[in-house]
C-alpha atoms as a PDB file:
ATOM      1  CA  MET A   1     -16.033 -15.288   4.908  1.00  0.00           C
ATOM      2  CA  LYS A   2     -16.166 -12.561   2.165  1.00  0.00           C
ATOM      3  CA  ILE A   3     -13.054 -12.402  -0.483  1.00  0.00           C
ATOM      4  CA  TYR A   4     -12.558  -9.252  -1.656  1.00  0.00           C
ATOM      5  CA  GLU A   5     -10.579  -8.536  -5.329  1.00  0.00           C
ATOM      6  CA  VAL A   6      -7.376  -6.862  -4.721  1.00  0.00           C
ATOM      7  CA  VAL A   7      -6.554  -4.116  -7.373  1.00  0.00           C
ATOM      8  CA  LEU A   8      -3.218  -2.186  -7.481  1.00  0.00           C
ATOM      9  CA  THR A   9      -3.283   1.223  -9.009  1.00  0.00           C
ATOM     10  CA  LYS A  10      -0.337   2.090 -11.679  1.00  0.00           C
ATOM     11  CA  ARG A  11       1.047   4.388  -8.927  1.00  0.00           C
ATOM     12  CA  ALA A  12       0.687   1.632  -6.360  1.00  0.00           C
ATOM     13  CA  PHE A  13       3.157  -0.671  -8.865  1.00  0.00           C
ATOM     14  CA  ALA A  14       5.665   2.659  -9.112  1.00  0.00           C
ATOM     15  CA  ASP A  15       5.629   2.992  -5.322  1.00  0.00           C
ATOM     16  CA  ALA A  16       6.785  -0.422  -4.852  1.00  0.00           C
ATOM     17  CA  ASP A  17       9.161  -0.560  -8.304  1.00  0.00           C
ATOM     18  CA  GLU A  18      10.803   2.451  -6.835  1.00  0.00           C
ATOM     19  CA  ALA A  19      11.197   1.179  -3.212  1.00  0.00           C
ATOM     20  CA  PHE A  20      12.537  -2.101  -4.413  1.00  0.00           C
ATOM     21  CA  ILE A  21      15.517  -0.402  -6.652  1.00  0.00           C
ATOM     22  CA  TRP A  22      16.571   1.789  -4.216  1.00  0.00           C
ATOM     23  CA  LEU A  23      16.775  -1.652  -1.834  1.00  0.00           C
ATOM     24  CA  PHE A  24      18.368  -3.802  -4.212  1.00  0.00           C
ATOM     25  CA  ASN A  25      21.101  -1.171  -4.778  1.00  0.00           C
ATOM     26  CA  GLU A  26      21.981  -1.396  -0.989  1.00  0.00           C
ATOM     27  CA  GLU A  27      20.995  -4.725  -0.226  1.00  0.00           C
ATOM     28  CA  PRO A  28      19.634  -6.913  -3.489  1.00  0.00           C
ATOM     29  CA  ASP A  29      18.958 -10.591  -1.125  1.00  0.00           C
ATOM     30  CA  ALA A  30      17.270  -8.550   0.932  1.00  0.00           C
ATOM     31  CA  ALA A  31      15.592  -6.523  -1.596  1.00  0.00           C
ATOM     32  CA  LEU A  32      13.885  -9.892  -3.366  1.00  0.00           C
ATOM     33  CA  LYS A  33      12.591 -11.007   0.113  1.00  0.00           C
ATOM     34  CA  TRP A  34      11.210  -8.155   0.550  1.00  0.00           C
ATOM     35  CA  TYR A  35       9.197  -7.651  -2.636  1.00  0.00           C
ATOM     36  CA  GLU A  36       8.282 -11.231  -2.138  1.00  0.00           C
ATOM     37  CA  GLU A  37       6.437 -10.240   1.009  1.00  0.00           C
ATOM     38  CA  LEU A  38       5.210  -7.272   0.051  1.00  0.00           C
ATOM     39  CA  LEU A  39       2.921  -8.969  -2.610  1.00  0.00           C
ATOM     40  CA  VAL A  40       1.931 -11.828   0.230  1.00  0.00           C
ATOM     41  CA  ALA A  41       0.888  -8.032   2.313  1.00  0.00           C
ATOM     42  CA  PHE A  42      -0.972  -7.145  -0.575  1.00  0.00           C
ATOM     43  CA  ARG A  43      -2.998 -10.493  -1.265  1.00  0.00           C
ATOM     44  CA  SER A  44      -3.740 -10.067   2.647  1.00  0.00           C
ATOM     45  CA  LEU A  45      -5.890  -7.182   1.949  1.00  0.00           C
ATOM     46  CA  ALA A  46      -8.407  -9.724   0.188  1.00  0.00           C
ATOM     47  CA  HIS A  47      -9.736 -10.870   3.943  1.00  0.00           C
ATOM     48  CA  SER A  48     -10.747  -8.205   6.047  1.00  0.00           C
ATOM     49  CA  PRO A  49      -9.380  -5.240   4.677  1.00  0.00           C
ATOM     50  CA  ARG A  50     -11.342  -2.917   7.266  1.00  0.00           C
ATOM     51  CA  ARG A  51      -8.968  -4.987  10.045  1.00  0.00           C
ATOM     52  CA  TRP A  52      -6.466  -1.945   9.153  1.00  0.00           C
ATOM     53  CA  GLY A  53      -6.610   1.035  10.788  1.00  0.00           C
ATOM     54  CA  LEU A  54      -7.148   4.332   8.771  1.00  0.00           C
ATOM     55  CA  ALA A  55      -4.111   6.138   7.705  1.00  0.00           C
ATOM     56  CA  ARG A  56      -3.237   9.586   8.841  1.00  0.00           C
ATOM     57  CA  GLU A  57      -3.934  10.974   5.242  1.00  0.00           C
ATOM     58  CA  ASP A  58      -7.696   9.644   5.778  1.00  0.00           C
ATOM     59  CA  PRO A  59      -9.441  13.085   6.471  1.00  0.00           C
ATOM     60  CA  PHE A  60      -7.860  15.035   3.716  1.00  0.00           C
ATOM     61  CA  PHE A  61      -9.891  12.525   1.169  1.00  0.00           C
ATOM     62  CA  ASP A  62     -13.320  11.972   0.062  1.00  0.00           C
ATOM     63  CA  GLU A  63     -13.124   8.124   0.285  1.00  0.00           C
ATOM     64  CA  GLU A  64     -12.047   6.421   3.238  1.00  0.00           C
ATOM     65  CA  ILE A  65      -8.219   5.658   3.640  1.00  0.00           C
ATOM     66  CA  ARG A  66      -6.398   2.840   5.161  1.00  0.00           C
ATOM     67  CA  GLN A  67      -3.303   1.771   6.007  1.00  0.00           C
ATOM     68  CA  LEU A  68      -1.320  -1.439   5.939  1.00  0.00           C
ATOM     69  CA  VAL A  69       2.066  -0.939   7.767  1.00  0.00           C
ATOM     70  CA  TYR A  70       4.324  -3.196   6.134  1.00  0.00           C
ATOM     71  CA  GLY A  71       7.932  -2.836   7.888  1.00  0.00           C
ATOM     72  CA  ARG A  72       9.155   0.634   7.236  1.00  0.00           C
ATOM     73  CA  TYR A  73       6.455   1.107   4.489  1.00  0.00           C
ATOM     74  CA  ARG A  74       2.841   2.301   4.256  1.00  0.00           C
ATOM     75  CA  VAL A  75      -0.027   0.192   1.879  1.00  0.00           C
ATOM     76  CA  LEU A  76      -2.606   2.662   1.388  1.00  0.00           C
ATOM     77  CA  PHE A  77      -5.590   1.772   0.200  1.00  0.00           C
ATOM     78  CA  THR A  78      -9.590   2.310  -0.042  1.00  0.00           C
ATOM     79  CA  VAL A  79     -12.374  -0.307   0.039  1.00  0.00           C
ATOM     80  CA  LYS A  80     -15.098   0.124  -2.669  1.00  0.00           C
ATOM     81  CA  ASN A  81     -17.759  -2.636  -2.281  1.00  0.00           C
ATOM     82  CA  THR A  82     -15.932  -5.927  -2.805  1.00  0.00           C
ATOM     83  CA  ARG A  83     -12.679  -4.391  -3.919  1.00  0.00           C
ATOM     84  CA  VAL A  84      -9.914  -3.025  -2.632  1.00  0.00           C
ATOM     85  CA  PHE A  85      -7.942  -0.778  -3.862  1.00  0.00           C
ATOM     86  CA  VAL A  86      -4.216  -0.155  -3.349  1.00  0.00           C
ATOM     87  CA  LEU A  87      -3.584   3.545  -4.262  1.00  0.00           C
ATOM     88  CA  ARG A  88       0.128   3.889  -2.660  1.00  0.00           C
ATOM     89  CA  VAL A  89       3.316   2.305  -1.313  1.00  0.00           C
ATOM     90  CA  ARG A  90       5.065   4.866   0.942  1.00  0.00           C
ATOM     91  CA  HIS A  91       7.753   4.930   2.871  1.00  0.00           C
ATOM     92  CA  GLY A  92       6.744   5.728   6.711  1.00  0.00           C
ATOM     93  CA  SER A  93       8.801   8.772   7.027  1.00  0.00           C
ATOM     94  CA  ARG A  94       7.636  10.598   3.960  1.00  0.00           C
ATOM     95  CA  GLU A  95       5.271  13.302   4.175  1.00  0.00           C
ATOM     96  CA  THR A  96       1.235  13.115   4.460  1.00  0.00           C
ATOM     97  CA  LEU A  97      -0.162  12.611   0.968  1.00  0.00           C
ATOM     98  CA  SER A  98      -2.455  14.837  -0.182  1.00  0.00           C
ATOM     99  CA  PRO A  99      -5.400  14.617  -2.567  1.00  0.00           C
ATOM    100  CA  LYS A 100      -3.275  16.645  -5.005  1.00  0.00           C
ATOM    101  CA  ASP A 101      -0.212  13.988  -4.626  1.00  0.00           C
ATOM    102  CA  GLN A 102      -2.782  11.594  -6.003  1.00  0.00           C
ATOM    103  CA  GLU A 103      -3.642  13.381  -9.573  1.00  0.00           C
END
């Protein structure tokens, strides 16, 4: 089985931290569990990342954008050769990401 290297972008880390802080202010114990399981979800992308469907953002980008749905959040990523680049972690209720949001 091919194993991919999972690379988190600075923006993905920032998104995850922002969500964690918000959740922590609401319910600290749940936030810690959420973050630990999010890290597991990131690591799961090392195995068959293309099993996840295309994100609704895909038509607006030059590269293929896929999503892993994690609870109420969407982990947006792209696969390049043997690497999976996690681009963003977004709440499902947020607007569709556009290329200008990635600049």
